[in-house]
């Protein structure tokens, strides 16, 4: 099988290097040989993944040196207020953790940049977050935040990084926060995850349209990127759907004849995290039914590699998701800065 780069994702914990080292033994081996540390735990309903890459790790796995914190609520829905509240608390908490070495004084400025195209909903979380923060700013003025939504290169004709660099030189902020939409390679992560990293960002990299990076090396001041995955490659949707069908059929075959199957009053469905023996469906679907999800993704990427329409998919309620995350990010940033300034005064 020809190797194709199917891992179109901006999330560090979905990168091939991290996915391939999920067991404790594999993680320890990765840490020893490649300078990468991986820590996973639950904070309430929020799944927290911390990945730290040093210089050695950057050379080995191709991920920029720095800290990455990914927060995810796998069961989150639009109506799940409790899930959003827990995610907001976790976001504020780990935003403070990643900036523990950055001092915010009385006269310090924090430049908040909302990247993206406001006219394309899945890409509008940056500008929408700036709008939400401007509304909050009008009601509760803060001398620290400077808010900016530069648009995209296709609209302005200039590199977004150049705009941000010029503004950074002018106002000399203590910190630049960049908010942007991300791409994921797992449909279950769509609009259910926030990633924070002090490595900056390459706008458009998740969908193969990389622009000049926005980072400390380019701007001359610390840059933190905040992202929410809002799009996924269509081939991922196909692979996930087939994986769910295969798992469901195999689980039902395995469950058949057991007393528990007779107790269900509705259609029985397997636990998504439960181990399922896919060899049970091999006589029905053949060898490929036992392949890993990654191998099936590879197959679909090859099959659609030269197709004229490479589709990127987003949830149908993406406008609601964007609004909710814009408000969440706005509230969390104001709360974090208020707490940060109070700590500095003590």
C-alpha atoms as a PDB file:
ATOM      1  CA  UNK A   1       0.000   0.000   0.000  1.00  0.00           C
ATOM      2  CA  UNK A   2       1.383   3.418  -0.998  1.00  0.00           C
ATOM      3  CA  UNK A   3       1.869   5.697   2.004  1.00  0.00           C
ATOM      4  CA  UNK A   4      -0.329   8.790   1.849  1.00  0.00           C
ATOM      5  CA  UNK A   5      -0.339  11.614   4.384  1.00  0.00           C
ATOM      6  CA  UNK A   6      -3.921  11.223   5.638  1.00  0.00           C
ATOM      7  CA  UNK A   7      -3.361  12.691   9.113  1.00  0.00           C
ATOM      8  CA  UNK A   8      -4.823  16.133   8.390  1.00  0.00           C
ATOM      9  CA  UNK A   9      -5.078  17.436  11.929  1.00  0.00           C
ATOM     10  CA  UNK A  10      -4.050  20.356  14.115  1.00  0.00           C
ATOM     11  CA  UNK A  11      -4.462  18.421  17.376  1.00  0.00           C
ATOM     12  CA  UNK A  12      -1.222  17.165  18.926  1.00  0.00           C
ATOM     13  CA  UNK A  13      -2.880  14.149  20.559  1.00  0.00           C
ATOM     14  CA  UNK A  14      -4.140  13.011  17.133  1.00  0.00           C
ATOM     15  CA  UNK A  15      -0.731  13.212  15.477  1.00  0.00           C
ATOM     16  CA  UNK A  16       0.608   9.867  14.308  1.00  0.00           C
ATOM     17  CA  UNK A  17       3.593  10.075  16.666  1.00  0.00           C
ATOM     18  CA  UNK A  18       1.371  10.374  19.745  1.00  0.00           C
ATOM     19  CA  UNK A  19      -1.383   7.976  18.617  1.00  0.00           C
ATOM     20  CA  UNK A  20       1.180   5.219  18.092  1.00  0.00           C
ATOM     21  CA  UNK A  21       2.352   5.495  21.718  1.00  0.00           C
ATOM     22  CA  UNK A  22      -0.827   5.019  23.726  1.00  0.00           C
ATOM     23  CA  UNK A  23       0.284   2.379  26.235  1.00  0.00           C
ATOM     24  CA  UNK A  24       2.387   3.321  29.273  1.00  0.00           C
ATOM     25  CA  UNK A  25       5.325   1.258  27.988  1.00  0.00           C
ATOM     26  CA  UNK A  26       5.177   2.939  24.571  1.00  0.00           C
ATOM     27  CA  UNK A  27       4.918   6.381  26.148  1.00  0.00           C
ATOM     28  CA  UNK A  28       7.958   5.750  28.353  1.00  0.00           C
ATOM     29  CA  UNK A  29       9.917   4.557  25.324  1.00  0.00           C
ATOM     30  CA  UNK A  30       8.888   7.683  23.396  1.00  0.00           C
ATOM     31  CA  UNK A  31       9.930   9.921  26.292  1.00  0.00           C
ATOM     32  CA  UNK A  32      13.326   8.238  26.633  1.00  0.00           C
ATOM     33  CA  UNK A  33      14.178   8.183  22.940  1.00  0.00           C
ATOM     34  CA  UNK A  34      12.476  11.248  21.514  1.00  0.00           C
ATOM     35  CA  UNK A  35      12.206  13.865  24.250  1.00  0.00           C
ATOM     36  CA  UNK A  36       8.404  13.814  24.354  1.00  0.00           C
ATOM     37  CA  UNK A  37       6.307  13.519  27.535  1.00  0.00           C
ATOM     38  CA  UNK A  38       2.632  12.533  27.406  1.00  0.00           C
ATOM     39  CA  UNK A  39       0.227  12.754  30.343  1.00  0.00           C
ATOM     40  CA  UNK A  40      -3.475  11.886  30.216  1.00  0.00           C
ATOM     41  CA  UNK A  41      -6.065  12.181  32.991  1.00  0.00           C
ATOM     42  CA  UNK A  42      -9.665  13.223  33.713  1.00  0.00           C
ATOM     43  CA  UNK A  43     -10.596  16.540  35.325  1.00  0.00           C
ATOM     44  CA  UNK A  44     -14.271  15.981  36.041  1.00  0.00           C
ATOM     45  CA  UNK A  45     -15.839  15.195  32.663  1.00  0.00           C
ATOM     46  CA  UNK A  46     -12.950  16.825  30.818  1.00  0.00           C
ATOM     47  CA  UNK A  47     -10.291  14.572  29.334  1.00  0.00           C
ATOM     48  CA  UNK A  48      -6.941  16.357  29.635  1.00  0.00           C
ATOM     49  CA  UNK A  49      -3.932  15.464  27.485  1.00  0.00           C
ATOM     50  CA  UNK A  50      -0.626  17.226  28.142  1.00  0.00           C
ATOM     51  CA  UNK A  51       2.182  16.810  25.641  1.00  0.00           C
ATOM     52  CA  UNK A  52       5.578  18.465  26.104  1.00  0.00           C
ATOM     53  CA  UNK A  53       8.176  18.396  23.341  1.00  0.00           C
ATOM     54  CA  UNK A  54      11.818  19.407  23.894  1.00  0.00           C
ATOM     55  CA  UNK A  55      14.491  20.149  21.257  1.00  0.00           C
ATOM     56  CA  UNK A  56      15.308  16.478  20.830  1.00  0.00           C
ATOM     57  CA  UNK A  57      11.632  15.631  20.453  1.00  0.00           C
ATOM     58  CA  UNK A  58      11.150  18.363  17.873  1.00  0.00           C
ATOM     59  CA  UNK A  59      13.827  16.831  15.679  1.00  0.00           C
ATOM     60  CA  UNK A  60      12.532  13.289  16.130  1.00  0.00           C
ATOM     61  CA  UNK A  61       8.782  13.698  15.618  1.00  0.00           C
ATOM     62  CA  UNK A  62       8.565  16.952  13.659  1.00  0.00           C
ATOM     63  CA  UNK A  63       6.415  18.773  16.229  1.00  0.00           C
ATOM     64  CA  UNK A  64       7.492  22.187  17.446  1.00  0.00           C
ATOM     65  CA  UNK A  65       9.182  22.436  20.840  1.00  0.00           C
ATOM     66  CA  UNK A  66       6.767  23.545  23.530  1.00  0.00           C
ATOM     67  CA  UNK A  67       3.723  22.650  25.602  1.00  0.00           C
ATOM     68  CA  UNK A  68       0.389  21.402  24.289  1.00  0.00           C
ATOM     69  CA  UNK A  69      -2.730  20.996  26.432  1.00  0.00           C
ATOM     70  CA  UNK A  70      -5.819  19.410  24.876  1.00  0.00           C
ATOM     71  CA  UNK A  71      -9.168  19.524  26.680  1.00  0.00           C
ATOM     72  CA  UNK A  72     -12.026  17.364  25.445  1.00  0.00           C
ATOM     73  CA  UNK A  73     -15.530  16.403  26.558  1.00  0.00           C
ATOM     74  CA  UNK A  74     -16.339  13.376  24.330  1.00  0.00           C
ATOM     75  CA  UNK A  75     -20.067  13.366  25.216  1.00  0.00           C
ATOM     76  CA  UNK A  76     -20.601  17.116  24.747  1.00  0.00           C
ATOM     77  CA  UNK A  77     -23.762  18.249  22.939  1.00  0.00           C
ATOM     78  CA  UNK A  78     -25.151  21.682  22.140  1.00  0.00           C
ATOM     79  CA  UNK A  79     -27.689  21.400  24.981  1.00  0.00           C
ATOM     80  CA  UNK A  80     -25.114  20.123  27.520  1.00  0.00           C
ATOM     81  CA  UNK A  81     -24.737  23.175  29.756  1.00  0.00           C
ATOM     82  CA  UNK A  82     -22.917  21.194  32.444  1.00  0.00           C
ATOM     83  CA  UNK A  83     -20.373  19.977  29.891  1.00  0.00           C
ATOM     84  CA  UNK A  84     -19.724  23.524  28.669  1.00  0.00           C
ATOM     85  CA  UNK A  85     -19.373  24.781  32.244  1.00  0.00           C
ATOM     86  CA  UNK A  86     -16.807  22.085  33.083  1.00  0.00           C
ATOM     87  CA  UNK A  87     -14.928  22.749  29.843  1.00  0.00           C
ATOM     88  CA  UNK A  88     -14.865  26.485  30.576  1.00  0.00           C
ATOM     89  CA  UNK A  89     -13.514  25.921  34.098  1.00  0.00           C
ATOM     90  CA  UNK A  90     -10.833  23.551  32.782  1.00  0.00           C
ATOM     91  CA  UNK A  91      -9.921  25.980  30.006  1.00  0.00           C
ATOM     92  CA  UNK A  92      -9.467  28.835  32.491  1.00  0.00           C
ATOM     93  CA  UNK A  93      -7.447  26.585  34.815  1.00  0.00           C
ATOM     94  CA  UNK A  94      -5.002  25.295  32.188  1.00  0.00           C
ATOM     95  CA  UNK A  95      -4.767  28.674  30.492  1.00  0.00           C
ATOM     96  CA  UNK A  96      -3.398  29.917  33.811  1.00  0.00           C
ATOM     97  CA  UNK A  97      -1.071  26.921  34.069  1.00  0.00           C
ATOM     98  CA  UNK A  98       0.499  27.406  30.656  1.00  0.00           C
ATOM     99  CA  UNK A  99       1.084  31.114  31.460  1.00  0.00           C
ATOM    100  CA  UNK A 100       2.398  30.681  35.000  1.00  0.00           C
ATOM    101  CA  UNK A 101       5.800  32.136  34.004  1.00  0.00           C
ATOM    102  CA  UNK A 102       4.344  35.184  32.230  1.00  0.00           C
ATOM    103  CA  UNK A 103       3.945  38.284  34.389  1.00  0.00           C
ATOM    104  CA  UNK A 104       0.983  40.577  33.782  1.00  0.00           C
ATOM    105  CA  UNK A 105       1.618  43.957  35.422  1.00  0.00           C
ATOM    106  CA  UNK A 106      -0.740  46.897  35.899  1.00  0.00           C
ATOM    107  CA  UNK A 107       0.269  48.461  32.580  1.00  0.00           C
ATOM    108  CA  UNK A 108       0.770  45.197  30.639  1.00  0.00           C
ATOM    109  CA  UNK A 109      -1.046  44.632  27.372  1.00  0.00           C
ATOM    110  CA  UNK A 110      -2.404  41.326  26.046  1.00  0.00           C
ATOM    111  CA  UNK A 111      -3.063  41.275  22.300  1.00  0.00           C
ATOM    112  CA  UNK A 112      -5.919  38.914  21.381  1.00  0.00           C
ATOM    113  CA  UNK A 113      -6.100  38.027  17.686  1.00  0.00           C
ATOM    114  CA  UNK A 114      -9.094  36.266  16.138  1.00  0.00           C
ATOM    115  CA  UNK A 115      -7.945  34.473  13.003  1.00  0.00           C
ATOM    116  CA  UNK A 116     -10.319  33.272  10.310  1.00  0.00           C
ATOM    117  CA  UNK A 117     -12.903  34.290   7.752  1.00  0.00           C
ATOM    118  CA  UNK A 118     -16.055  35.692   9.330  1.00  0.00           C
ATOM    119  CA  UNK A 119     -18.112  34.914   6.208  1.00  0.00           C
ATOM    120  CA  UNK A 120     -17.341  31.158   6.407  1.00  0.00           C
ATOM    121  CA  UNK A 121     -18.962  29.849   9.585  1.00  0.00           C
ATOM    122  CA  UNK A 122     -16.605  26.905  10.375  1.00  0.00           C
ATOM    123  CA  UNK A 123     -13.655  29.321  10.076  1.00  0.00           C
ATOM    124  CA  UNK A 124     -15.246  32.174  12.023  1.00  0.00           C
ATOM    125  CA  UNK A 125     -14.534  31.246  15.633  1.00  0.00           C
ATOM    126  CA  UNK A 126     -11.651  33.736  15.866  1.00  0.00           C
ATOM    127  CA  UNK A 127     -13.594  36.813  14.664  1.00  0.00           C
ATOM    128  CA  UNK A 128     -16.697  35.724  16.615  1.00  0.00           C
ATOM    129  CA  UNK A 129     -14.637  35.404  19.811  1.00  0.00           C
ATOM    130  CA  UNK A 130     -13.323  38.946  19.232  1.00  0.00           C
ATOM    131  CA  UNK A 131     -16.923  40.182  18.824  1.00  0.00           C
ATOM    132  CA  UNK A 132     -17.894  38.494  22.094  1.00  0.00           C
ATOM    133  CA  UNK A 133     -14.899  40.026  23.864  1.00  0.00           C
ATOM    134  CA  UNK A 134     -15.703  43.486  22.475  1.00  0.00           C
ATOM    135  CA  UNK A 135     -19.219  43.196  23.914  1.00  0.00           C
ATOM    136  CA  UNK A 136     -17.771  42.148  27.283  1.00  0.00           C
ATOM    137  CA  UNK A 137     -15.200  44.950  27.018  1.00  0.00           C
ATOM    138  CA  UNK A 138     -17.953  47.543  26.571  1.00  0.00           C
ATOM    139  CA  UNK A 139     -19.738  46.300  29.705  1.00  0.00           C
ATOM    140  CA  UNK A 140     -16.645  45.606  31.832  1.00  0.00           C
ATOM    141  CA  UNK A 141     -13.753  47.661  30.426  1.00  0.00           C
ATOM    142  CA  UNK A 142     -10.242  46.214  30.740  1.00  0.00           C
ATOM    143  CA  UNK A 143      -7.081  48.207  30.121  1.00  0.00           C
ATOM    144  CA  UNK A 144      -5.135  45.027  29.381  1.00  0.00           C
ATOM    145  CA  UNK A 145      -6.846  43.519  26.351  1.00  0.00           C
ATOM    146  CA  UNK A 146      -6.302  44.795  22.811  1.00  0.00           C
ATOM    147  CA  UNK A 147      -8.621  42.990  20.398  1.00  0.00           C
ATOM    148  CA  UNK A 148      -7.947  42.455  16.698  1.00  0.00           C
ATOM    149  CA  UNK A 149      -9.551  40.432  13.880  1.00  0.00           C
ATOM    150  CA  UNK A 150      -7.344  40.843  10.779  1.00  0.00           C
ATOM    151  CA  UNK A 151      -9.379  38.784   8.305  1.00  0.00           C
ATOM    152  CA  UNK A 152      -7.634  36.338   5.979  1.00  0.00           C
ATOM    153  CA  UNK A 153      -4.982  36.767   3.293  1.00  0.00           C
ATOM    154  CA  UNK A 154      -7.539  36.050   0.563  1.00  0.00           C
ATOM    155  CA  UNK A 155      -9.509  39.119   1.667  1.00  0.00           C
ATOM    156  CA  UNK A 156      -6.708  41.556   2.481  1.00  0.00           C
ATOM    157  CA  UNK A 157      -3.994  40.494   0.057  1.00  0.00           C
ATOM    158  CA  UNK A 158      -1.408  40.591   2.851  1.00  0.00           C
ATOM    159  CA  UNK A 159       0.003  37.937   5.159  1.00  0.00           C
ATOM    160  CA  UNK A 160      -1.893  37.908   8.446  1.00  0.00           C
ATOM    161  CA  UNK A 161       1.389  37.356  10.249  1.00  0.00           C
ATOM    162  CA  UNK A 162       2.673  40.705   8.929  1.00  0.00           C
ATOM    163  CA  UNK A 163      -0.332  42.560  10.336  1.00  0.00           C
ATOM    164  CA  UNK A 164       0.103  40.941  13.746  1.00  0.00           C
ATOM    165  CA  UNK A 165       3.857  41.579  13.718  1.00  0.00           C
ATOM    166  CA  UNK A 166       3.359  45.281  12.952  1.00  0.00           C
ATOM    167  CA  UNK A 167       0.780  45.626  15.739  1.00  0.00           C
ATOM    168  CA  UNK A 168       2.997  43.740  18.168  1.00  0.00           C
ATOM    169  CA  UNK A 169       5.927  46.068  17.444  1.00  0.00           C
ATOM    170  CA  UNK A 170       3.670  49.076  17.978  1.00  0.00           C
ATOM    171  CA  UNK A 171       2.034  48.138  21.297  1.00  0.00           C
ATOM    172  CA  UNK A 172       4.707  45.825  22.779  1.00  0.00           C
ATOM    173  CA  UNK A 173       2.307  43.389  24.505  1.00  0.00           C
ATOM    174  CA  UNK A 174       3.438  40.986  27.216  1.00  0.00           C
ATOM    175  CA  UNK A 175       1.544  38.197  25.445  1.00  0.00           C
ATOM    176  CA  UNK A 176      -0.229  37.459  22.161  1.00  0.00           C
ATOM    177  CA  UNK A 177      -3.241  35.125  22.232  1.00  0.00           C
ATOM    178  CA  UNK A 178      -4.305  33.742  18.858  1.00  0.00           C
ATOM    179  CA  UNK A 179      -7.749  32.144  18.464  1.00  0.00           C
ATOM    180  CA  UNK A 180      -8.459  29.986  15.419  1.00  0.00           C
ATOM    181  CA  UNK A 181     -10.523  27.102  14.055  1.00  0.00           C
ATOM    182  CA  UNK A 182      -8.675  23.788  13.750  1.00  0.00           C
ATOM    183  CA  UNK A 183      -8.985  20.594  11.730  1.00  0.00           C
ATOM    184  CA  UNK A 184      -9.344  17.175  13.352  1.00  0.00           C
ATOM    185  CA  UNK A 185      -8.937  13.665  12.020  1.00  0.00           C
ATOM    186  CA  UNK A 186     -11.591  12.234  14.359  1.00  0.00           C
ATOM    187  CA  UNK A 187     -15.266  13.022  13.838  1.00  0.00           C
ATOM    188  CA  UNK A 188     -15.865  12.473  17.573  1.00  0.00           C
ATOM    189  CA  UNK A 189     -13.625  15.481  18.335  1.00  0.00           C
ATOM    190  CA  UNK A 190     -15.578  17.983  16.233  1.00  0.00           C
ATOM    191  CA  UNK A 191     -16.596  20.954  18.399  1.00  0.00           C
ATOM    192  CA  UNK A 192     -15.874  18.994  21.588  1.00  0.00           C
ATOM    193  CA  UNK A 193     -12.246  19.988  22.124  1.00  0.00           C
ATOM    194  CA  UNK A 194     -10.059  23.004  22.913  1.00  0.00           C
ATOM    195  CA  UNK A 195      -6.293  22.979  22.393  1.00  0.00           C
ATOM    196  CA  UNK A 196      -3.883  25.411  24.044  1.00  0.00           C
ATOM    197  CA  UNK A 197      -0.233  25.610  23.013  1.00  0.00           C
ATOM    198  CA  UNK A 198       2.636  28.046  23.578  1.00  0.00           C
ATOM    199  CA  UNK A 199       4.181  27.136  20.197  1.00  0.00           C
ATOM    200  CA  UNK A 200       2.078  29.575  18.173  1.00  0.00           C
ATOM    201  CA  UNK A 201       0.200  28.621  15.033  1.00  0.00           C
ATOM    202  CA  UNK A 202       0.448  28.119  11.262  1.00  0.00           C
ATOM    203  CA  UNK A 203      -2.866  29.525   9.968  1.00  0.00           C
ATOM    204  CA  UNK A 204      -4.616  27.134   7.553  1.00  0.00           C
ATOM    205  CA  UNK A 205      -2.214  24.229   8.121  1.00  0.00           C
ATOM    206  CA  UNK A 206      -5.002  21.788   9.018  1.00  0.00           C
ATOM    207  CA  UNK A 207      -6.547  22.025   5.552  1.00  0.00           C
ATOM    208  CA  UNK A 208      -3.288  22.243   3.609  1.00  0.00           C
ATOM    209  CA  UNK A 209      -3.207  26.047   3.188  1.00  0.00           C
ATOM    210  CA  UNK A 210      -0.281  26.982   5.406  1.00  0.00           C
ATOM    211  CA  UNK A 211       0.571  30.675   5.828  1.00  0.00           C
ATOM    212  CA  UNK A 212       3.449  32.355   7.667  1.00  0.00           C
ATOM    213  CA  UNK A 213       3.488  31.246  11.290  1.00  0.00           C
ATOM    214  CA  UNK A 214       2.460  33.387  14.224  1.00  0.00           C
ATOM    215  CA  UNK A 215       4.929  32.488  16.978  1.00  0.00           C
ATOM    216  CA  UNK A 216       7.343  33.890  19.542  1.00  0.00           C
ATOM    217  CA  UNK A 217      10.205  33.474  17.073  1.00  0.00           C
ATOM    218  CA  UNK A 218       8.409  35.694  14.530  1.00  0.00           C
ATOM    219  CA  UNK A 219       6.658  38.162  16.850  1.00  0.00           C
ATOM    220  CA  UNK A 220       9.369  38.579  19.484  1.00  0.00           C
ATOM    221  CA  UNK A 221       6.907  38.060  22.386  1.00  0.00           C
ATOM    222  CA  UNK A 222       5.243  34.918  23.812  1.00  0.00           C
ATOM    223  CA  UNK A 223       2.436  33.607  21.596  1.00  0.00           C
ATOM    224  CA  UNK A 224      -0.261  31.195  22.767  1.00  0.00           C
ATOM    225  CA  UNK A 225      -2.608  29.558  20.274  1.00  0.00           C
ATOM    226  CA  UNK A 226      -6.163  28.615  21.267  1.00  0.00           C
ATOM    227  CA  UNK A 227      -8.030  26.398  18.840  1.00  0.00           C
ATOM    228  CA  UNK A 228     -11.310  24.517  18.465  1.00  0.00           C
ATOM    229  CA  UNK A 229     -11.639  21.764  15.803  1.00  0.00           C
ATOM    230  CA  UNK A 230     -14.598  22.573  13.540  1.00  0.00           C
ATOM    231  CA  UNK A 231     -13.800  20.597  10.362  1.00  0.00           C
ATOM    232  CA  UNK A 232     -12.781  17.072   9.409  1.00  0.00           C
ATOM    233  CA  UNK A 233     -11.794  15.395   6.141  1.00  0.00           C
ATOM    234  CA  UNK A 234     -14.695  13.499   4.488  1.00  0.00           C
ATOM    235  CA  UNK A 235     -12.595  10.326   4.303  1.00  0.00           C
ATOM    236  CA  UNK A 236     -12.455  10.333   8.107  1.00  0.00           C
ATOM    237  CA  UNK A 237     -16.263  10.392   8.260  1.00  0.00           C
ATOM    238  CA  UNK A 238     -16.375   7.372   5.924  1.00  0.00           C
ATOM    239  CA  UNK A 239     -13.773   5.458   7.952  1.00  0.00           C
ATOM    240  CA  UNK A 240     -15.503   6.259  11.262  1.00  0.00           C
ATOM    241  CA  UNK A 241     -18.903   5.211   9.903  1.00  0.00           C
ATOM    242  CA  UNK A 242     -17.582   1.884   8.598  1.00  0.00           C
ATOM    243  CA  UNK A 243     -15.714   1.292  11.854  1.00  0.00           C
ATOM    244  CA  UNK A 244     -18.931   1.876  13.829  1.00  0.00           C
ATOM    245  CA  UNK A 245     -20.903  -0.488  11.576  1.00  0.00           C
ATOM    246  CA  UNK A 246     -18.286  -3.247  11.835  1.00  0.00           C
ATOM    247  CA  UNK A 247     -18.019  -2.857  15.624  1.00  0.00           C
ATOM    248  CA  UNK A 248     -21.799  -2.881  16.046  1.00  0.00           C
ATOM    249  CA  UNK A 249     -22.290  -6.027  13.946  1.00  0.00           C
ATOM    250  CA  UNK A 250     -19.389  -7.841  15.639  1.00  0.00           C
ATOM    251  CA  UNK A 251     -20.667  -6.874  19.101  1.00  0.00           C
ATOM    252  CA  UNK A 252     -24.179  -8.079  18.302  1.00  0.00           C
ATOM    253  CA  UNK A 253     -22.835 -11.411  17.044  1.00  0.00           C
ATOM    254  CA  UNK A 254     -20.742 -11.739  20.203  1.00  0.00           C
ATOM    255  CA  UNK A 255     -23.728 -10.826  22.408  1.00  0.00           C
ATOM    256  CA  UNK A 256     -26.144 -13.170  20.631  1.00  0.00           C
ATOM    257  CA  UNK A 257     -27.352 -15.947  22.891  1.00  0.00           C
ATOM    258  CA  UNK A 258     -26.201 -14.248  26.113  1.00  0.00           C
ATOM    259  CA  UNK A 259     -28.872 -13.552  28.775  1.00  0.00           C
ATOM    260  CA  UNK A 260     -28.030  -9.825  28.720  1.00  0.00           C
ATOM    261  CA  UNK A 261     -29.173  -9.542  25.094  1.00  0.00           C
ATOM    262  CA  UNK A 262     -32.676 -10.647  26.087  1.00  0.00           C
ATOM    263  CA  UNK A 263     -32.992  -7.926  28.745  1.00  0.00           C
ATOM    264  CA  UNK A 264     -32.758  -5.008  26.331  1.00  0.00           C
ATOM    265  CA  UNK A 265     -36.084  -3.268  25.604  1.00  0.00           C
ATOM    266  CA  UNK A 266     -34.623  -1.195  22.762  1.00  0.00           C
ATOM    267  CA  UNK A 267     -32.084  -1.793  20.007  1.00  0.00           C
ATOM    268  CA  UNK A 268     -28.894  -2.852  21.745  1.00  0.00           C
ATOM    269  CA  UNK A 269     -25.717  -0.935  20.884  1.00  0.00           C
ATOM    270  CA  UNK A 270     -22.196  -1.682  22.129  1.00  0.00           C
ATOM    271  CA  UNK A 271     -20.120   0.556  24.366  1.00  0.00           C
ATOM    272  CA  UNK A 272     -17.856   2.647  22.096  1.00  0.00           C
ATOM    273  CA  UNK A 273     -14.872   1.905  24.363  1.00  0.00           C
ATOM    274  CA  UNK A 274     -15.534  -1.818  24.732  1.00  0.00           C
ATOM    275  CA  UNK A 275     -13.205  -4.329  23.086  1.00  0.00           C
ATOM    276  CA  UNK A 276     -14.863  -6.097  20.131  1.00  0.00           C
ATOM    277  CA  UNK A 277     -13.567  -9.158  18.265  1.00  0.00           C
ATOM    278  CA  UNK A 278     -13.724  -8.095  14.614  1.00  0.00           C
ATOM    279  CA  UNK A 279     -12.680 -11.589  13.542  1.00  0.00           C
ATOM    280  CA  UNK A 280     -16.336 -12.524  14.062  1.00  0.00           C
ATOM    281  CA  UNK A 281     -17.336 -10.572  10.939  1.00  0.00           C
ATOM    282  CA  UNK A 282     -14.363 -11.643   8.819  1.00  0.00           C
ATOM    283  CA  UNK A 283     -16.404 -14.429   7.108  1.00  0.00           C
ATOM    284  CA  UNK A 284     -19.005 -11.801   6.121  1.00  0.00           C
ATOM    285  CA  UNK A 285     -16.903  -8.826   5.009  1.00  0.00           C
ATOM    286  CA  UNK A 286     -13.507 -10.350   4.382  1.00  0.00           C
ATOM    287  CA  UNK A 287      -9.982  -9.488   5.481  1.00  0.00           C
ATOM    288  CA  UNK A 288     -10.352  -5.692   5.432  1.00  0.00           C
ATOM    289  CA  UNK A 289     -12.983  -5.780   8.185  1.00  0.00           C
ATOM    290  CA  UNK A 290     -10.191  -6.591  10.673  1.00  0.00           C
ATOM    291  CA  UNK A 291      -7.961  -3.716   9.548  1.00  0.00           C
ATOM    292  CA  UNK A 292      -7.286  -0.841  11.918  1.00  0.00           C
ATOM    293  CA  UNK A 293      -9.119   2.446  11.401  1.00  0.00           C
ATOM    294  CA  UNK A 294      -5.820   3.979  10.291  1.00  0.00           C
ATOM    295  CA  UNK A 295      -5.352   1.340   7.589  1.00  0.00           C
ATOM    296  CA  UNK A 296      -8.868   1.929   6.287  1.00  0.00           C
ATOM    297  CA  UNK A 297      -8.228   5.683   6.278  1.00  0.00           C
ATOM    298  CA  UNK A 298      -5.121   5.028   4.241  1.00  0.00           C
ATOM    299  CA  UNK A 299      -7.176   3.017   1.734  1.00  0.00           C
ATOM    300  CA  UNK A 300      -9.780   5.759   1.338  1.00  0.00           C
ATOM    301  CA  UNK A 301      -7.109   8.435   0.934  1.00  0.00           C
ATOM    302  CA  UNK A 302      -5.570   6.435  -1.891  1.00  0.00           C
ATOM    303  CA  UNK A 303      -8.966   5.836  -3.510  1.00  0.00           C
ATOM    304  CA  UNK A 304      -9.917   9.528  -3.403  1.00  0.00           C
ATOM    305  CA  UNK A 305      -6.427  11.001  -3.896  1.00  0.00           C
ATOM    306  CA  UNK A 306      -7.157  12.123  -7.471  1.00  0.00           C
ATOM    307  CA  UNK A 307     -10.863  12.796  -7.024  1.00  0.00           C
ATOM    308  CA  UNK A 308     -11.736  16.329  -8.239  1.00  0.00           C
ATOM    309  CA  UNK A 309     -13.693  17.095  -5.065  1.00  0.00           C
ATOM    310  CA  UNK A 310     -11.828  16.635  -1.777  1.00  0.00           C
ATOM    311  CA  UNK A 311     -14.477  17.418   0.808  1.00  0.00           C
ATOM    312  CA  UNK A 312     -14.035  18.997   4.239  1.00  0.00           C
ATOM    313  CA  UNK A 313     -17.005  18.362   6.568  1.00  0.00           C
ATOM    314  CA  UNK A 314     -18.429  20.389   9.450  1.00  0.00           C
ATOM    315  CA  UNK A 315     -21.432  19.784  11.782  1.00  0.00           C
ATOM    316  CA  UNK A 316     -24.778  21.112  10.504  1.00  0.00           C
ATOM    317  CA  UNK A 317     -25.207  23.085  13.776  1.00  0.00           C
ATOM    318  CA  UNK A 318     -21.756  24.653  13.422  1.00  0.00           C
ATOM    319  CA  UNK A 319     -23.199  28.181  13.752  1.00  0.00           C
ATOM    320  CA  UNK A 320     -24.530  27.317  17.226  1.00  0.00           C
ATOM    321  CA  UNK A 321     -21.260  25.635  18.232  1.00  0.00           C
ATOM    322  CA  UNK A 322     -19.263  28.678  17.087  1.00  0.00           C
ATOM    323  CA  UNK A 323     -21.468  31.041  19.099  1.00  0.00           C
ATOM    324  CA  UNK A 324     -21.182  28.913  22.242  1.00  0.00           C
ATOM    325  CA  UNK A 325     -17.389  28.591  21.983  1.00  0.00           C
ATOM    326  CA  UNK A 326     -16.979  32.298  21.245  1.00  0.00           C
ATOM    327  CA  UNK A 327     -18.804  33.168  24.468  1.00  0.00           C
ATOM    328  CA  UNK A 328     -16.958  30.444  26.408  1.00  0.00           C
ATOM    329  CA  UNK A 329     -13.541  31.684  25.265  1.00  0.00           C
ATOM    330  CA  UNK A 330     -14.476  35.312  25.942  1.00  0.00           C
ATOM    331  CA  UNK A 331     -15.663  34.624  29.499  1.00  0.00           C
ATOM    332  CA  UNK A 332     -12.688  32.402  30.257  1.00  0.00           C
ATOM    333  CA  UNK A 333     -10.132  34.947  29.011  1.00  0.00           C
ATOM    334  CA  UNK A 334     -11.624  37.771  31.085  1.00  0.00           C
ATOM    335  CA  UNK A 335     -11.826  35.524  34.168  1.00  0.00           C
ATOM    336  CA  UNK A 336      -8.256  34.291  33.681  1.00  0.00           C
ATOM    337  CA  UNK A 337      -6.845  37.803  33.253  1.00  0.00           C
ATOM    338  CA  UNK A 338      -8.769  39.084  36.275  1.00  0.00           C
ATOM    339  CA  UNK A 339      -7.374  36.226  38.412  1.00  0.00           C
ATOM    340  CA  UNK A 340      -3.882  36.716  36.978  1.00  0.00           C
ATOM    341  CA  UNK A 341      -3.796  40.435  37.762  1.00  0.00           C
ATOM    342  CA  UNK A 342      -5.097  39.842  41.309  1.00  0.00           C
ATOM    343  CA  UNK A 343      -2.325  37.268  41.923  1.00  0.00           C
ATOM    344  CA  UNK A 344       0.332  39.708  40.695  1.00  0.00           C
ATOM    345  CA  UNK A 345      -0.924  42.379  43.122  1.00  0.00           C
ATOM    346  CA  UNK A 346      -0.685  40.057  46.152  1.00  0.00           C
END
